[in-house]
N, C-alpha and C. Protein backbone atom coordinates (compact mmCIF):
# COMPACT_ATOMS: atom_id res chain seq x y z
N UNK A 1 54.36 14.43 15.23
CA UNK A 1 53.73 15.37 16.25
C UNK A 1 52.32 15.10 15.25
N UNK A 2 52.24 15.02 13.94
CA UNK A 2 51.01 15.64 13.05
C UNK A 2 50.01 14.52 13.67
N UNK A 3 50.56 13.36 14.07
CA UNK A 3 49.87 12.21 14.35
C UNK A 3 49.04 12.45 15.34
N UNK A 4 49.64 12.68 16.45
CA UNK A 4 49.44 13.02 17.52
C UNK A 4 48.20 13.67 17.95
N UNK A 5 48.74 15.04 16.75
CA UNK A 5 47.40 15.85 16.63
C UNK A 5 46.02 15.73 16.49
N UNK A 6 46.41 14.58 15.29
CA UNK A 6 45.52 14.27 14.60
C UNK A 6 44.18 13.41 15.88
N UNK A 7 44.41 12.00 16.75
CA UNK A 7 43.98 11.62 17.68
C UNK A 7 43.00 12.70 17.99
N UNK A 8 43.20 13.28 18.89
CA UNK A 8 42.13 14.15 19.64
C UNK A 8 40.96 14.73 18.42
N UNK A 9 41.24 15.06 17.45
CA UNK A 9 40.40 15.51 16.30
C UNK A 9 39.44 14.71 16.26
N UNK A 10 40.15 13.10 15.97
CA UNK A 10 39.17 11.61 15.33
C UNK A 10 38.30 11.58 16.33
N UNK A 11 38.90 11.24 17.71
CA UNK A 11 37.53 11.25 19.15
C UNK A 11 36.79 12.56 19.34
N UNK A 12 36.97 13.73 18.31
CA UNK A 12 36.11 14.71 19.09
C UNK A 12 35.10 14.38 18.08
N UNK A 13 35.37 13.70 16.95
CA UNK A 13 34.88 13.61 15.86
C UNK A 13 33.73 12.56 15.59
N UNK A 14 33.87 11.70 16.36
CA UNK A 14 33.18 10.83 16.91
C UNK A 14 32.69 10.56 18.09
N UNK A 15 33.02 11.46 18.95
CA UNK A 15 32.15 11.85 19.98
C UNK A 15 30.79 12.31 19.48
N UNK A 16 31.00 13.49 18.48
CA UNK A 16 30.04 14.28 18.00
C UNK A 16 28.63 13.70 17.22
N UNK A 17 29.30 12.41 16.05
CA UNK A 17 28.95 11.44 15.63
C UNK A 17 27.75 10.75 16.52
N UNK A 18 28.04 10.43 17.57
CA UNK A 18 28.33 9.45 18.68
C UNK A 18 26.68 10.08 19.16
N UNK A 19 26.72 11.14 19.63
CA UNK A 19 26.07 11.94 20.30
C UNK A 19 24.72 12.33 19.31
N UNK A 20 25.26 12.87 17.98
CA UNK A 20 24.10 12.87 17.07
C UNK A 20 22.77 12.11 16.96
N UNK A 21 23.32 10.80 16.63
CA UNK A 21 23.05 9.31 16.41
C UNK A 21 22.12 9.04 17.57
N UNK A 22 22.56 9.54 19.24
CA UNK A 22 21.71 9.21 19.81
C UNK A 22 20.46 9.94 20.14
N UNK A 23 20.69 11.33 19.81
CA UNK A 23 19.83 12.47 19.90
C UNK A 23 18.61 11.85 18.62
N UNK A 24 19.11 11.76 17.17
CA UNK A 24 18.26 11.45 16.38
C UNK A 24 17.32 9.98 16.66
N UNK A 25 18.10 9.32 17.65
CA UNK A 25 17.37 7.72 18.21
C UNK A 25 16.57 8.27 19.28
N UNK A 26 16.05 9.74 19.25
CA UNK A 26 15.22 9.62 20.76
C UNK A 26 13.75 9.79 19.93
N UNK A 27 13.83 10.48 18.46
CA UNK A 27 12.81 11.29 17.98
C UNK A 27 11.88 9.69 17.51
N UNK A 28 11.87 8.83 17.02
CA UNK A 28 10.88 7.51 16.76
C UNK A 28 10.42 7.31 17.68
N UNK A 29 11.27 7.27 19.32
CA UNK A 29 10.59 6.57 20.61
C UNK A 29 9.49 7.46 21.08
N UNK A 30 9.51 9.01 20.91
CA UNK A 30 8.96 10.27 21.46
C UNK A 30 7.57 9.76 19.93
N UNK A 31 8.08 9.90 18.95
CA UNK A 31 6.66 9.46 18.11
C UNK A 31 5.95 8.47 18.09
N UNK A 32 6.31 7.41 18.63
CA UNK A 32 5.50 6.11 19.18
C UNK A 32 4.96 6.16 20.34
N UNK A 33 5.35 6.90 20.96
CA UNK A 33 5.02 6.97 22.45
C UNK A 33 3.22 8.15 22.41
N UNK A 34 4.05 9.52 21.82
CA UNK A 34 2.74 10.12 22.04
C UNK A 34 1.97 10.11 20.58
N UNK A 35 2.24 9.77 19.65
CA UNK A 35 1.22 9.22 18.90
C UNK A 35 0.86 8.00 18.40
N UNK A 36 0.72 7.58 18.93
CA UNK A 36 0.57 5.87 18.96
C UNK A 36 -0.47 5.46 19.65
N UNK A 37 -0.89 6.11 20.16
CA UNK A 37 -2.04 5.75 21.00
C UNK A 37 -3.23 5.99 20.04
N UNK A 38 -4.15 4.71 20.40
CA UNK A 38 -5.37 5.25 19.15
C UNK A 38 -6.65 5.75 19.83
N UNK A 39 -7.37 6.99 19.44
CA UNK A 39 -8.07 7.35 19.54
C UNK A 39 -9.62 6.53 19.02
N UNK A 40 -10.44 6.68 20.21
CA UNK A 40 -11.65 6.11 20.19
C UNK A 40 -12.30 6.81 19.07
N UNK A 41 -12.53 5.89 17.84
CA UNK A 41 -13.39 6.33 16.85
C UNK A 41 -15.01 6.30 17.15
N UNK A 42 -16.24 7.40 16.63
CA UNK A 42 -17.46 6.91 16.66
C UNK A 42 -17.61 6.35 15.28
N UNK A 43 -18.65 5.79 15.73
CA UNK A 43 -19.76 4.86 14.35
C UNK A 43 -20.29 6.11 13.86
N UNK A 44 -20.26 5.89 12.40
CA UNK A 44 -21.45 7.00 11.82
C UNK A 44 -22.42 5.67 11.37
N UNK A 45 -22.44 4.71 11.47
CA UNK A 45 -23.84 3.42 11.15
C UNK A 45 -24.53 4.15 11.99
N UNK A 46 -25.87 3.25 11.71
CA UNK A 46 -26.99 3.32 12.82
C UNK A 46 -26.75 2.37 13.66
N UNK A 47 -26.78 2.22 14.70
CA UNK A 47 -26.64 1.63 16.13
C UNK A 47 -27.51 0.45 16.02
N UNK A 48 -28.70 0.28 15.64
CA UNK A 48 -29.83 -0.69 15.63
C UNK A 48 -29.40 -2.11 14.30
N UNK A 49 -27.78 -2.40 14.10
CA UNK A 49 -27.62 -3.19 12.99
C UNK A 49 -28.07 -4.75 13.36
N UNK A 50 -29.06 -5.06 12.53
CA UNK A 50 -29.13 -6.72 12.99
C UNK A 50 -27.75 -7.61 12.45
N UNK A 51 -27.69 -8.96 13.30
CA UNK A 51 -26.99 -9.70 13.17
C UNK A 51 -27.02 -10.19 12.10
N UNK A 52 -25.94 -10.57 10.85
CA UNK A 52 -26.16 -11.22 9.31
C UNK A 52 -25.47 -12.18 9.45
N UNK A 53 -25.71 -13.31 9.23
CA UNK A 53 -25.26 -14.74 8.52
C UNK A 53 -24.80 -14.72 7.24
N UNK A 54 -23.71 -15.06 6.54
CA UNK A 54 -23.65 -15.50 5.02
C UNK A 54 -23.45 -16.61 5.00
N UNK A 55 -24.59 -16.90 3.51
CA UNK A 55 -25.22 -17.87 3.72
C UNK A 55 -24.70 -18.30 1.59
N UNK A 56 -24.47 -19.40 1.27
CA UNK A 56 -24.19 -19.73 -0.44
C UNK A 56 -25.46 -19.75 -0.86
N UNK A 57 -25.34 -19.17 -2.19
CA UNK A 57 -26.67 -19.41 -2.91
C UNK A 57 -26.58 -20.32 -3.81
N UNK A 58 -27.59 -20.98 -4.68
CA UNK A 58 -27.46 -22.16 -5.60
C UNK A 58 -26.41 -22.05 -6.58
N UNK A 59 -26.31 -20.57 -7.28
CA UNK A 59 -25.05 -20.26 -7.95
C UNK A 59 -23.97 -19.75 -7.64
N UNK A 60 -23.72 -20.31 -6.04
CA UNK A 60 -22.43 -19.97 -5.61
C UNK A 60 -22.12 -18.70 -5.00
N UNK A 61 -22.48 -17.94 -4.64
CA UNK A 61 -22.42 -16.48 -4.29
C UNK A 61 -22.66 -16.83 -2.84
N UNK A 62 -21.96 -15.51 -2.52
CA UNK A 62 -22.17 -15.48 -0.77
C UNK A 62 -22.44 -14.29 -0.48
N UNK A 63 -24.35 -14.66 0.39
CA UNK A 63 -24.81 -13.47 0.12
C UNK A 63 -25.22 -13.26 2.09
N UNK A 64 -25.63 -11.33 2.73
CA UNK A 64 -25.61 -11.87 3.90
C UNK A 64 -27.14 -11.90 3.84
N UNK A 65 -27.64 -12.27 4.97
CA UNK A 65 -29.05 -12.52 5.29
C UNK A 65 -29.25 -12.40 6.37
N UNK A 66 -30.21 -11.42 7.42
CA UNK A 66 -30.56 -11.29 8.62
C UNK A 66 -30.60 -12.51 9.09
N UNK A 67 -30.19 -13.05 10.52
CA UNK A 67 -31.00 -13.88 11.45
C UNK A 67 -32.49 -13.84 11.82
N UNK A 68 -33.00 -12.77 11.72
CA UNK A 68 -34.57 -12.58 11.96
C UNK A 68 -35.29 -13.43 10.89
N UNK A 69 -34.67 -13.51 9.61
CA UNK A 69 -35.11 -14.17 8.29
C UNK A 69 -35.15 -15.36 8.54
N UNK A 70 -34.24 -15.72 9.15
CA UNK A 70 -34.09 -17.25 8.96
C UNK A 70 -35.01 -18.21 9.51
N UNK A 71 -35.45 -19.31 9.52
CA UNK A 71 -35.96 -20.25 10.31
C UNK A 71 -35.30 -20.94 11.38
N UNK A 72 -35.95 -21.38 12.29
CA UNK A 72 -34.92 -22.30 13.24
C UNK A 72 -35.08 -23.90 12.92
N UNK A 73 -35.44 -24.18 11.99
CA UNK A 73 -34.92 -25.52 11.80
C UNK A 73 -33.51 -25.59 10.35
N UNK A 74 -32.65 -25.81 11.17
CA UNK A 74 -31.32 -25.51 10.45
C UNK A 74 -30.43 -27.29 10.60
N UNK A 75 -29.72 -27.79 9.35
CA UNK A 75 -29.31 -28.90 9.57
C UNK A 75 -27.76 -28.87 8.92
N UNK A 76 -27.24 -29.59 8.92
CA UNK A 76 -25.60 -29.76 8.29
C UNK A 76 -26.17 -30.27 7.35
N UNK A 77 -25.03 -29.70 6.44
CA UNK A 77 -25.52 -30.39 4.54
C UNK A 77 -23.60 -30.98 4.54
N UNK A 78 -23.85 -32.59 4.02
CA UNK A 78 -22.61 -33.30 3.45
C UNK A 78 -22.23 -32.19 2.43
N UNK A 79 -20.93 -32.97 2.43
CA UNK A 79 -19.58 -32.06 1.26
C UNK A 79 -20.61 -32.54 -0.35
N UNK A 80 -21.20 -33.80 -0.20
CA UNK A 80 -21.40 -34.02 -1.26
C UNK A 80 -22.82 -33.63 -1.67
N UNK A 81 -23.92 -33.42 -0.87
CA UNK A 81 -25.26 -32.97 -0.95
C UNK A 81 -25.17 -31.68 -1.52
N UNK A 82 -23.61 -30.85 -0.83
CA UNK A 82 -23.77 -29.60 -1.13
C UNK A 82 -23.04 -29.27 -2.64
N UNK A 83 -22.27 -30.41 -3.07
CA UNK A 83 -21.57 -30.22 -4.38
C UNK A 83 -22.82 -30.30 -5.58
N UNK A 84 -23.56 -31.23 -4.88
CA UNK A 84 -24.96 -31.50 -6.03
C UNK A 84 -25.67 -30.47 -6.05
N UNK A 85 -25.72 -30.00 -5.18
CA UNK A 85 -26.67 -28.60 -4.75
C UNK A 85 -26.50 -27.33 -5.65
N UNK A 86 -24.87 -27.21 -5.89
CA UNK A 86 -24.63 -26.00 -6.51
C UNK A 86 -24.40 -26.19 -7.74
N UNK A 87 -25.18 -25.37 -8.47
CA UNK A 87 -25.08 -25.51 -10.37
C UNK A 87 -23.77 -24.48 -10.19
N UNK A 88 -23.04 -25.20 -11.43
CA UNK A 88 -22.12 -25.01 -12.08
C UNK A 88 -21.74 -23.83 -13.29
């Protein structure tokens, strides 16, 4: 008789466990659906920023230069010319 009385109690605790896990699994879904939307951020930087280009200096550093300061004459440099130009 003890075995038969124990079986419904085990099923009841399993049922409670599964219901608890089901309820707990809903919280992450709610979190991502409610708080997952990104808000539009207002930029604090000035709106009239000029476009810049990164260029390599002769000592090997990268610097940002405004496009308006560059001349229109550009040419491609070969790898050998670049290695000979950069001072190590």
